[in-house]
Amino acid sequence: MTANQFYVPAIAKGADRIVLGGEEHRHLAKSARVRAGETVWLIDAAGRRAFARVERVGEERTELAVLGTEEPDTPRTRVALAQALVDAKTLETILEKAAELGCTDFIPVVSARSLRAPKERTLRKLERWMRIVREAAKQCKGRLVTAVHPPRPLEALLREPPPGLRLFLSEHGGRPLRDVVAGPDGPAGGPPPAVVLLVGPRGGWTEREEEDIRGAGFLAVSLGRRILRAETAAIAGSALIVHFWNE
């Protein structure tokens, strides 16, 4: 059986003991029912992992002895999913699956047809999104914790210097994404160091937004003839890129 994985804020290099408290301790003790003498994996915010033996499970904390550590994954291509804001449940599904797949970054984008929330609610959502990616990293036993960025306007994203290849899913046609990542339309020289995949909201981009996106150097790509929901498009597009360029 694969050892359980739990989250800690940081794993110091050379650490020989780690204390687990709060929600993660309760998960270990009550939900997973891990006992003294058993081994588990720990992962921190940077994606560093430690293999540890449980020494003591107390009322409020768990004490562990570190048996070994692993450095974070360094993906060949950093894959950022830039998703226009949709309803909360759908966005959380997209985020969870992107984190499980191994996207390095998740960027919520405010567009003309996005659902908007007050700033104080956005801050609470950001905290929740961070918990979701931590849980995803634990679930899939990965060595990468997706970085969740604060929501930003589409205009701000378009002004940022391109990190590498920039793609966007367009309802009005584009190169097949499969050909860009695994075919004749791919980047010369192989996978790029970074890629951003921009996915629109329900209802799509406005005509002006699509003009601006193309003008900022984003390449229009397509997942085929079918009209897909935002969550289906985001997950399918991310999976295709991660599979061919990082797996």
C-alpha atoms as a PDB file:
ATOM      1  CA  MET A   1       0.000   0.000   0.000  1.00  0.00           C
ATOM      2  CA  THR A   2       1.286   3.484  -0.872  1.00  0.00           C
ATOM      3  CA  ALA A   3       2.127   5.579   2.202  1.00  0.00           C
ATOM      4  CA  ASN A   4      -0.173   8.486   3.021  1.00  0.00           C
ATOM      5  CA  GLN A   5       1.053  11.993   2.226  1.00  0.00           C
ATOM      6  CA  PHE A   6       0.509  15.029   4.474  1.00  0.00           C
ATOM      7  CA  TYR A   7       1.227  18.728   4.082  1.00  0.00           C
ATOM      8  CA  VAL A   8       3.637  20.836   6.147  1.00  0.00           C
ATOM      9  CA  PRO A   9       4.498  24.495   5.417  1.00  0.00           C
ATOM     10  CA  ALA A  10       8.239  23.856   5.053  1.00  0.00           C
ATOM     11  CA  ILE A  11      10.719  20.986   5.227  1.00  0.00           C
ATOM     12  CA  ALA A  12      14.130  22.339   6.178  1.00  0.00           C
ATOM     13  CA  LYS A  13      17.159  20.797   4.510  1.00  0.00           C
ATOM     14  CA  GLY A  14      18.864  18.470   6.945  1.00  0.00           C
ATOM     15  CA  ALA A  15      15.866  18.278   9.272  1.00  0.00           C
ATOM     16  CA  ASP A  16      15.714  15.014  11.205  1.00  0.00           C
ATOM     17  CA  ARG A  17      12.432  15.606  13.029  1.00  0.00           C
ATOM     18  CA  ILE A  18       9.141  17.232  12.022  1.00  0.00           C
ATOM     19  CA  VAL A  19       6.065  18.053  14.083  1.00  0.00           C
ATOM     20  CA  LEU A  20       2.646  17.928  12.443  1.00  0.00           C
ATOM     21  CA  GLY A  21      -0.178  19.932  14.012  1.00  0.00           C
ATOM     22  CA  GLY A  22      -3.599  21.387  13.308  1.00  0.00           C
ATOM     23  CA  GLU A  23      -5.732  20.050  10.487  1.00  0.00           C
ATOM     24  CA  GLU A  24      -3.015  17.773   9.095  1.00  0.00           C
ATOM     25  CA  HIS A  25      -2.461  16.155  12.502  1.00  0.00           C
ATOM     26  CA  ARG A  26      -6.194  15.529  12.833  1.00  0.00           C
ATOM     27  CA  HIS A  27      -6.273  14.048   9.332  1.00  0.00           C
ATOM     28  CA  LEU A  28      -3.383  11.729  10.165  1.00  0.00           C
ATOM     29  CA  ALA A  29      -4.739  10.652  13.547  1.00  0.00           C
ATOM     30  CA  LYS A  30      -8.509  10.576  12.992  1.00  0.00           C
ATOM     31  CA  SER A  31      -9.145  10.096   9.271  1.00  0.00           C
ATOM     32  CA  ALA A  32      -6.118   8.114   8.070  1.00  0.00           C
ATOM     33  CA  ARG A  33      -5.678   6.435  11.498  1.00  0.00           C
ATOM     34  CA  VAL A  34      -1.900   6.332  11.173  1.00  0.00           C
ATOM     35  CA  ARG A  35      -0.181   4.818  14.204  1.00  0.00           C
ATOM     36  CA  ALA A  36       3.280   5.108  15.747  1.00  0.00           C
ATOM     37  CA  GLY A  37       5.825   3.093  13.790  1.00  0.00           C
ATOM     38  CA  GLU A  38       4.127   3.583  10.431  1.00  0.00           C
ATOM     39  CA  THR A  39       5.753   5.584   7.628  1.00  0.00           C
ATOM     40  CA  VAL A  40       4.275   8.503   5.694  1.00  0.00           C
ATOM     41  CA  TRP A  41       5.270  11.098   3.134  1.00  0.00           C
ATOM     42  CA  LEU A  42       5.289  14.825   3.920  1.00  0.00           C
ATOM     43  CA  ILE A  43       5.208  17.565   1.266  1.00  0.00           C
ATOM     44  CA  ASP A  44       5.786  21.295   1.700  1.00  0.00           C
ATOM     45  CA  ALA A  45       4.750  24.406  -0.221  1.00  0.00           C
ATOM     46  CA  ALA A  46       7.844  24.202  -2.442  1.00  0.00           C
ATOM     47  CA  GLY A  47       7.159  20.591  -3.406  1.00  0.00           C
ATOM     48  CA  ARG A  48       9.989  19.145  -1.281  1.00  0.00           C
ATOM     49  CA  ARG A  49       9.068  15.755   0.194  1.00  0.00           C
ATOM     50  CA  ALA A  50      10.216  13.852   3.253  1.00  0.00           C
ATOM     51  CA  PHE A  51       9.757  10.172   4.007  1.00  0.00           C
ATOM     52  CA  ALA A  52       9.164   9.923   7.736  1.00  0.00           C
ATOM     53  CA  ARG A  53       8.363   7.458  10.498  1.00  0.00           C
ATOM     54  CA  VAL A  54       5.660   8.368  12.999  1.00  0.00           C
ATOM     55  CA  GLU A  55       7.228   8.414  16.456  1.00  0.00           C
ATOM     56  CA  ARG A  56       4.300   9.628  18.539  1.00  0.00           C
ATOM     57  CA  VAL A  57       0.666  10.550  17.882  1.00  0.00           C
ATOM     58  CA  GLY A  58      -0.515  12.906  20.625  1.00  0.00           C
ATOM     59  CA  GLU A  59      -3.731  14.769  21.276  1.00  0.00           C
ATOM     60  CA  GLU A  60      -2.680  17.914  19.411  1.00  0.00           C
ATOM     61  CA  ARG A  61       0.356  16.969  17.361  1.00  0.00           C
ATOM     62  CA  THR A  62       2.248  14.162  15.682  1.00  0.00           C
ATOM     63  CA  GLU A  63       6.018  13.769  16.020  1.00  0.00           C
ATOM     64  CA  LEU A  64       7.907  12.215  13.114  1.00  0.00           C
ATOM     65  CA  ALA A  65      11.493  11.167  12.393  1.00  0.00           C
ATOM     66  CA  VAL A  66      12.751  12.029   8.908  1.00  0.00           C
ATOM     67  CA  LEU A  67      14.170   9.014   7.068  1.00  0.00           C
ATOM     68  CA  GLY A  68      14.931  10.730   3.757  1.00  0.00           C
ATOM     69  CA  THR A  69      14.046  13.694   1.570  1.00  0.00           C
ATOM     70  CA  GLU A  70      13.357  14.369  -2.111  1.00  0.00           C
ATOM     71  CA  GLU A  71      13.785  17.683  -3.883  1.00  0.00           C
ATOM     72  CA  PRO A  72      10.838  19.174  -5.804  1.00  0.00           C
ATOM     73  CA  ASP A  73      10.104  18.128  -9.358  1.00  0.00           C
ATOM     74  CA  THR A  74      11.660  20.410 -11.944  1.00  0.00           C
ATOM     75  CA  PRO A  75       9.340  20.056 -14.925  1.00  0.00           C
ATOM     76  CA  ARG A  76      10.854  20.410 -18.369  1.00  0.00           C
ATOM     77  CA  THR A  77       8.099  22.902 -19.229  1.00  0.00           C
ATOM     78  CA  ARG A  78       6.332  25.140 -16.731  1.00  0.00           C
ATOM     79  CA  VAL A  79       2.639  24.845 -17.586  1.00  0.00           C
ATOM     80  CA  ALA A  80       0.437  27.726 -16.441  1.00  0.00           C
ATOM     81  CA  LEU A  81      -3.328  27.452 -16.806  1.00  0.00           C
ATOM     82  CA  ALA A  82      -4.893  30.914 -17.055  1.00  0.00           C
ATOM     83  CA  GLN A  83      -8.615  30.393 -16.536  1.00  0.00           C
ATOM     84  CA  ALA A  84     -11.265  33.086 -16.894  1.00  0.00           C
ATOM     85  CA  LEU A  85     -13.420  33.166 -13.771  1.00  0.00           C
ATOM     86  CA  VAL A  86     -16.486  30.937 -13.828  1.00  0.00           C
ATOM     87  CA  ASP A  87     -18.821  29.887 -11.011  1.00  0.00           C
ATOM     88  CA  ALA A  88     -17.077  28.812  -7.804  1.00  0.00           C
ATOM     89  CA  LYS A  89     -17.805  25.084  -7.995  1.00  0.00           C
ATOM     90  CA  THR A  90     -16.652  24.799 -11.596  1.00  0.00           C
ATOM     91  CA  LEU A  91     -13.505  26.833 -10.969  1.00  0.00           C
ATOM     92  CA  GLU A  92     -12.575  24.639  -8.017  1.00  0.00           C
ATOM     93  CA  THR A  93     -13.000  21.527 -10.158  1.00  0.00           C
ATOM     94  CA  ILE A  94     -10.725  23.004 -12.822  1.00  0.00           C
ATOM     95  CA  LEU A  95      -8.135  23.973 -10.208  1.00  0.00           C
ATOM     96  CA  GLU A  96      -8.179  20.564  -8.537  1.00  0.00           C
ATOM     97  CA  LYS A  97      -7.703  18.698 -11.813  1.00  0.00           C
ATOM     98  CA  ALA A  98      -5.004  21.095 -13.034  1.00  0.00           C
ATOM     99  CA  ALA A  99      -3.106  20.505  -9.789  1.00  0.00           C
ATOM    100  CA  GLU A 100      -3.498  16.731 -10.047  1.00  0.00           C
ATOM    101  CA  LEU A 101      -2.237  16.825 -13.641  1.00  0.00           C
ATOM    102  CA  GLY A 102       0.871  18.795 -12.676  1.00  0.00           C
ATOM    103  CA  CYS A 103       0.251  22.344 -13.884  1.00  0.00           C
ATOM    104  CA  THR A 104       2.870  24.510 -12.213  1.00  0.00           C
ATOM    105  CA  ASP A 105       0.723  27.657 -12.036  1.00  0.00           C
ATOM    106  CA  PHE A 106      -2.965  28.547 -11.919  1.00  0.00           C
ATOM    107  CA  ILE A 107      -3.947  32.103 -12.866  1.00  0.00           C
ATOM    108  CA  PRO A 108      -7.593  33.195 -12.420  1.00  0.00           C
ATOM    109  CA  VAL A 109      -8.449  35.817 -15.042  1.00  0.00           C
ATOM    110  CA  VAL A 110     -11.172  38.476 -14.908  1.00  0.00           C
ATOM    111  CA  SER A 111     -12.771  38.917 -18.334  1.00  0.00           C
ATOM    112  CA  ALA A 112     -15.841  40.744 -19.635  1.00  0.00           C
ATOM    113  CA  ARG A 113     -18.073  37.702 -19.112  1.00  0.00           C
ATOM    114  CA  SER A 114     -16.509  36.502 -15.867  1.00  0.00           C
ATOM    115  CA  LEU A 115     -18.442  36.113 -12.654  1.00  0.00           C
ATOM    116  CA  ARG A 116     -17.028  38.634 -10.188  1.00  0.00           C
ATOM    117  CA  ALA A 117     -16.847  38.604  -6.404  1.00  0.00           C
ATOM    118  CA  PRO A 118     -16.152  41.340  -3.816  1.00  0.00           C
ATOM    119  CA  LYS A 119     -12.492  41.731  -2.852  1.00  0.00           C
ATOM    120  CA  GLU A 120     -12.957  40.299   0.662  1.00  0.00           C
ATOM    121  CA  ARG A 121     -14.590  37.185  -0.788  1.00  0.00           C
ATOM    122  CA  THR A 122     -11.777  36.884  -3.312  1.00  0.00           C
ATOM    123  CA  LEU A 123      -9.201  36.785  -0.500  1.00  0.00           C
ATOM    124  CA  ARG A 124     -11.127  33.995   1.225  1.00  0.00           C
ATOM    125  CA  LYS A 125     -11.379  32.144  -2.066  1.00  0.00           C
ATOM    126  CA  LEU A 126      -7.614  32.428  -2.576  1.00  0.00           C
ATOM    127  CA  GLU A 127      -7.039  30.704   0.767  1.00  0.00           C
ATOM    128  CA  ARG A 128      -9.484  27.968  -0.207  1.00  0.00           C
ATOM    129  CA  TRP A 129      -7.832  27.528  -3.607  1.00  0.00           C
ATOM    130  CA  MET A 130      -4.478  27.051  -1.896  1.00  0.00           C
ATOM    131  CA  ARG A 131      -5.962  24.328   0.295  1.00  0.00           C
ATOM    132  CA  ILE A 132      -7.341  22.610  -2.803  1.00  0.00           C
ATOM    133  CA  VAL A 133      -3.929  22.408  -4.499  1.00  0.00           C
ATOM    134  CA  ARG A 134      -2.331  21.120  -1.298  1.00  0.00           C
ATOM    135  CA  GLU A 135      -4.967  18.392  -1.056  1.00  0.00           C
ATOM    136  CA  ALA A 136      -4.420  17.540  -4.725  1.00  0.00           C
ATOM    137  CA  ALA A 137      -0.669  17.200  -4.180  1.00  0.00           C
ATOM    138  CA  LYS A 138      -1.310  14.910  -1.214  1.00  0.00           C
ATOM    139  CA  GLN A 139      -3.830  12.812  -3.108  1.00  0.00           C
ATOM    140  CA  CYS A 140      -1.680  12.167  -6.180  1.00  0.00           C
ATOM    141  CA  LYS A 141       1.577  11.764  -4.207  1.00  0.00           C
ATOM    142  CA  GLY A 142       3.203  14.402  -6.384  1.00  0.00           C
ATOM    143  CA  ARG A 143       6.358  16.433  -5.811  1.00  0.00           C
ATOM    144  CA  LEU A 144       4.859  19.658  -7.097  1.00  0.00           C
ATOM    145  CA  VAL A 145       2.395  22.036  -5.440  1.00  0.00           C
ATOM    146  CA  THR A 146       0.661  24.237  -8.003  1.00  0.00           C
ATOM    147  CA  ALA A 147       1.239  27.956  -7.401  1.00  0.00           C
ATOM    148  CA  VAL A 148      -2.107  29.774  -7.179  1.00  0.00           C
ATOM    149  CA  HIS A 149      -1.975  33.422  -8.261  1.00  0.00           C
ATOM    150  CA  PRO A 150      -4.427  36.155  -7.248  1.00  0.00           C
ATOM    151  CA  PRO A 151      -7.074  36.955  -9.882  1.00  0.00           C
ATOM    152  CA  ARG A 152      -5.949  39.527 -12.413  1.00  0.00           C
ATOM    153  CA  PRO A 153      -7.697  41.371 -15.253  1.00  0.00           C
ATOM    154  CA  LEU A 154      -7.219  39.976 -18.743  1.00  0.00           C
ATOM    155  CA  GLU A 155      -5.584  43.267 -19.763  1.00  0.00           C
ATOM    156  CA  ALA A 156      -2.912  42.834 -17.072  1.00  0.00           C
ATOM    157  CA  LEU A 157      -2.157  39.274 -18.166  1.00  0.00           C
ATOM    158  CA  LEU A 158      -1.759  40.375 -21.781  1.00  0.00           C
ATOM    159  CA  ARG A 159       0.727  43.098 -20.782  1.00  0.00           C
ATOM    160  CA  GLU A 160       3.034  40.671 -18.990  1.00  0.00           C
ATOM    161  CA  PRO A 161       6.246  39.664 -20.784  1.00  0.00           C
ATOM    162  CA  PRO A 162       5.736  36.298 -22.478  1.00  0.00           C
ATOM    163  CA  PRO A 163       7.369  33.488 -20.441  1.00  0.00           C
ATOM    164  CA  GLY A 164       7.570  31.257 -23.505  1.00  0.00           C
ATOM    165  CA  LEU A 165       4.789  29.910 -25.682  1.00  0.00           C
ATOM    166  CA  ARG A 166       1.360  31.518 -25.217  1.00  0.00           C
ATOM    167  CA  LEU A 167      -1.758  29.659 -26.329  1.00  0.00           C
ATOM    168  CA  PHE A 168      -5.467  30.363 -26.073  1.00  0.00           C
ATOM    169  CA  LEU A 169      -8.472  28.200 -26.806  1.00  0.00           C
ATOM    170  CA  SER A 170     -10.632  29.875 -29.427  1.00  0.00           C
ATOM    171  CA  GLU A 171     -14.171  29.040 -30.495  1.00  0.00           C
ATOM    172  CA  HIS A 172     -13.360  30.492 -33.900  1.00  0.00           C
ATOM    173  CA  GLY A 173     -10.771  27.978 -34.934  1.00  0.00           C
ATOM    174  CA  GLY A 174      -7.056  27.603 -34.553  1.00  0.00           C
ATOM    175  CA  ARG A 175      -4.326  25.041 -34.890  1.00  0.00           C
ATOM    176  CA  PRO A 176      -5.207  21.669 -33.367  1.00  0.00           C
ATOM    177  CA  LEU A 177      -3.609  21.641 -29.928  1.00  0.00           C
ATOM    178  CA  ARG A 178      -2.402  18.080 -30.480  1.00  0.00           C
ATOM    179  CA  ASP A 179      -0.361  19.272 -33.471  1.00  0.00           C
ATOM    180  CA  VAL A 180       1.200  22.065 -31.432  1.00  0.00           C
ATOM    181  CA  VAL A 181       2.333  19.796 -28.598  1.00  0.00           C
ATOM    182  CA  ALA A 182       3.010  16.559 -30.471  1.00  0.00           C
ATOM    183  CA  GLY A 183       3.007  17.273 -34.171  1.00  0.00           C
ATOM    184  CA  PRO A 184       4.284  19.398 -37.030  1.00  0.00           C
ATOM    185  CA  ASP A 185       3.107  22.708 -35.548  1.00  0.00           C
ATOM    186  CA  GLY A 186       5.187  22.324 -32.402  1.00  0.00           C
ATOM    187  CA  PRO A 187       7.924  24.769 -31.351  1.00  0.00           C
ATOM    188  CA  ALA A 188      11.218  24.442 -33.177  1.00  0.00           C
ATOM    189  CA  GLY A 189      13.766  22.819 -30.912  1.00  0.00           C
ATOM    190  CA  GLY A 190      11.268  20.871 -28.834  1.00  0.00           C
ATOM    191  CA  PRO A 191       9.150  21.743 -25.799  1.00  0.00           C
ATOM    192  CA  PRO A 192       9.508  25.356 -24.612  1.00  0.00           C
ATOM    193  CA  PRO A 193      10.662  26.228 -21.070  1.00  0.00           C
ATOM    194  CA  ALA A 194       7.212  27.616 -20.281  1.00  0.00           C
ATOM    195  CA  VAL A 195       3.722  27.759 -21.731  1.00  0.00           C
ATOM    196  CA  VAL A 196       0.545  29.607 -20.778  1.00  0.00           C
ATOM    197  CA  LEU A 197      -2.808  28.129 -21.791  1.00  0.00           C
ATOM    198  CA  LEU A 198      -5.584  30.738 -21.649  1.00  0.00           C
ATOM    199  CA  VAL A 199      -9.158  29.419 -21.376  1.00  0.00           C
ATOM    200  CA  GLY A 200     -12.233  31.609 -21.603  1.00  0.00           C
ATOM    201  CA  PRO A 201     -15.380  31.865 -19.473  1.00  0.00           C
ATOM    202  CA  ARG A 202     -18.774  30.400 -20.215  1.00  0.00           C
ATOM    203  CA  GLY A 203     -20.020  32.380 -23.174  1.00  0.00           C
ATOM    204  CA  GLY A 204     -16.495  32.739 -24.535  1.00  0.00           C
ATOM    205  CA  TRP A 205     -14.381  35.784 -25.209  1.00  0.00           C
ATOM    206  CA  THR A 206     -15.878  38.961 -26.609  1.00  0.00           C
ATOM    207  CA  GLU A 207     -14.802  39.922 -30.112  1.00  0.00           C
ATOM    208  CA  ARG A 208     -12.638  42.724 -28.715  1.00  0.00           C
ATOM    209  CA  GLU A 209     -11.017  40.427 -26.153  1.00  0.00           C
ATOM    210  CA  GLU A 210     -10.111  37.875 -28.795  1.00  0.00           C
ATOM    211  CA  GLU A 211      -8.548  40.608 -30.924  1.00  0.00           C
ATOM    212  CA  ASP A 212      -6.507  41.783 -27.934  1.00  0.00           C
ATOM    213  CA  ILE A 213      -5.425  38.240 -27.070  1.00  0.00           C
ATOM    214  CA  ARG A 214      -4.224  37.586 -30.608  1.00  0.00           C
ATOM    215  CA  GLY A 215      -2.532  40.998 -30.668  1.00  0.00           C
ATOM    216  CA  ALA A 216      -0.593  40.085 -27.507  1.00  0.00           C
ATOM    217  CA  GLY A 217       1.006  37.143 -29.288  1.00  0.00           C
ATOM    218  CA  PHE A 218      -1.216  34.292 -28.150  1.00  0.00           C
ATOM    219  CA  LEU A 219      -1.587  31.480 -30.666  1.00  0.00           C
ATOM    220  CA  ALA A 220      -5.177  30.321 -31.226  1.00  0.00           C
ATOM    221  CA  VAL A 221      -5.571  26.582 -30.689  1.00  0.00           C
ATOM    222  CA  SER A 222      -8.493  24.194 -30.872  1.00  0.00           C
ATOM    223  CA  LEU A 223      -9.558  20.927 -29.251  1.00  0.00           C
ATOM    224  CA  GLY A 224     -11.678  19.895 -32.211  1.00  0.00           C
ATOM    225  CA  ARG A 225     -15.098  20.524 -33.682  1.00  0.00           C
ATOM    226  CA  ARG A 226     -17.132  20.049 -30.517  1.00  0.00           C
ATOM    227  CA  ILE A 227     -18.191  22.990 -28.349  1.00  0.00           C
ATOM    228  CA  LEU A 228     -16.820  22.139 -24.904  1.00  0.00           C
ATOM    229  CA  ARG A 229     -17.707  23.454 -21.482  1.00  0.00           C
ATOM    230  CA  ALA A 230     -15.052  25.671 -19.909  1.00  0.00           C
ATOM    231  CA  GLU A 231     -14.075  22.990 -17.399  1.00  0.00           C
ATOM    232  CA  THR A 232     -13.799  20.277 -20.065  1.00  0.00           C
ATOM    233  CA  ALA A 233     -11.662  22.480 -22.295  1.00  0.00           C
ATOM    234  CA  ALA A 234      -9.352  23.536 -19.461  1.00  0.00           C
ATOM    235  CA  ILE A 235      -8.779  20.000 -18.207  1.00  0.00           C
ATOM    236  CA  ALA A 236      -8.387  18.443 -21.664  1.00  0.00           C
ATOM    237  CA  GLY A 237      -6.002  21.156 -22.838  1.00  0.00           C
ATOM    238  CA  SER A 238      -3.869  21.004 -19.698  1.00  0.00           C
ATOM    239  CA  ALA A 239      -3.716  17.209 -19.798  1.00  0.00           C
ATOM    240  CA  LEU A 240      -2.552  17.204 -23.406  1.00  0.00           C
ATOM    241  CA  ILE A 241       0.258  19.690 -22.753  1.00  0.00           C
ATOM    242  CA  VAL A 242       1.472  18.078 -19.523  1.00  0.00           C
ATOM    243  CA  HIS A 243       1.356  14.567 -20.979  1.00  0.00           C
ATOM    244  CA  PHE A 244       3.450  15.292 -24.060  1.00  0.00           C
ATOM    245  CA  TRP A 245       5.873  17.831 -22.600  1.00  0.00           C
ATOM    246  CA  ASN A 246       6.378  16.760 -18.984  1.00  0.00           C
ATOM    247  CA  GLU A 247       5.532  13.068 -18.604  1.00  0.00           C
END
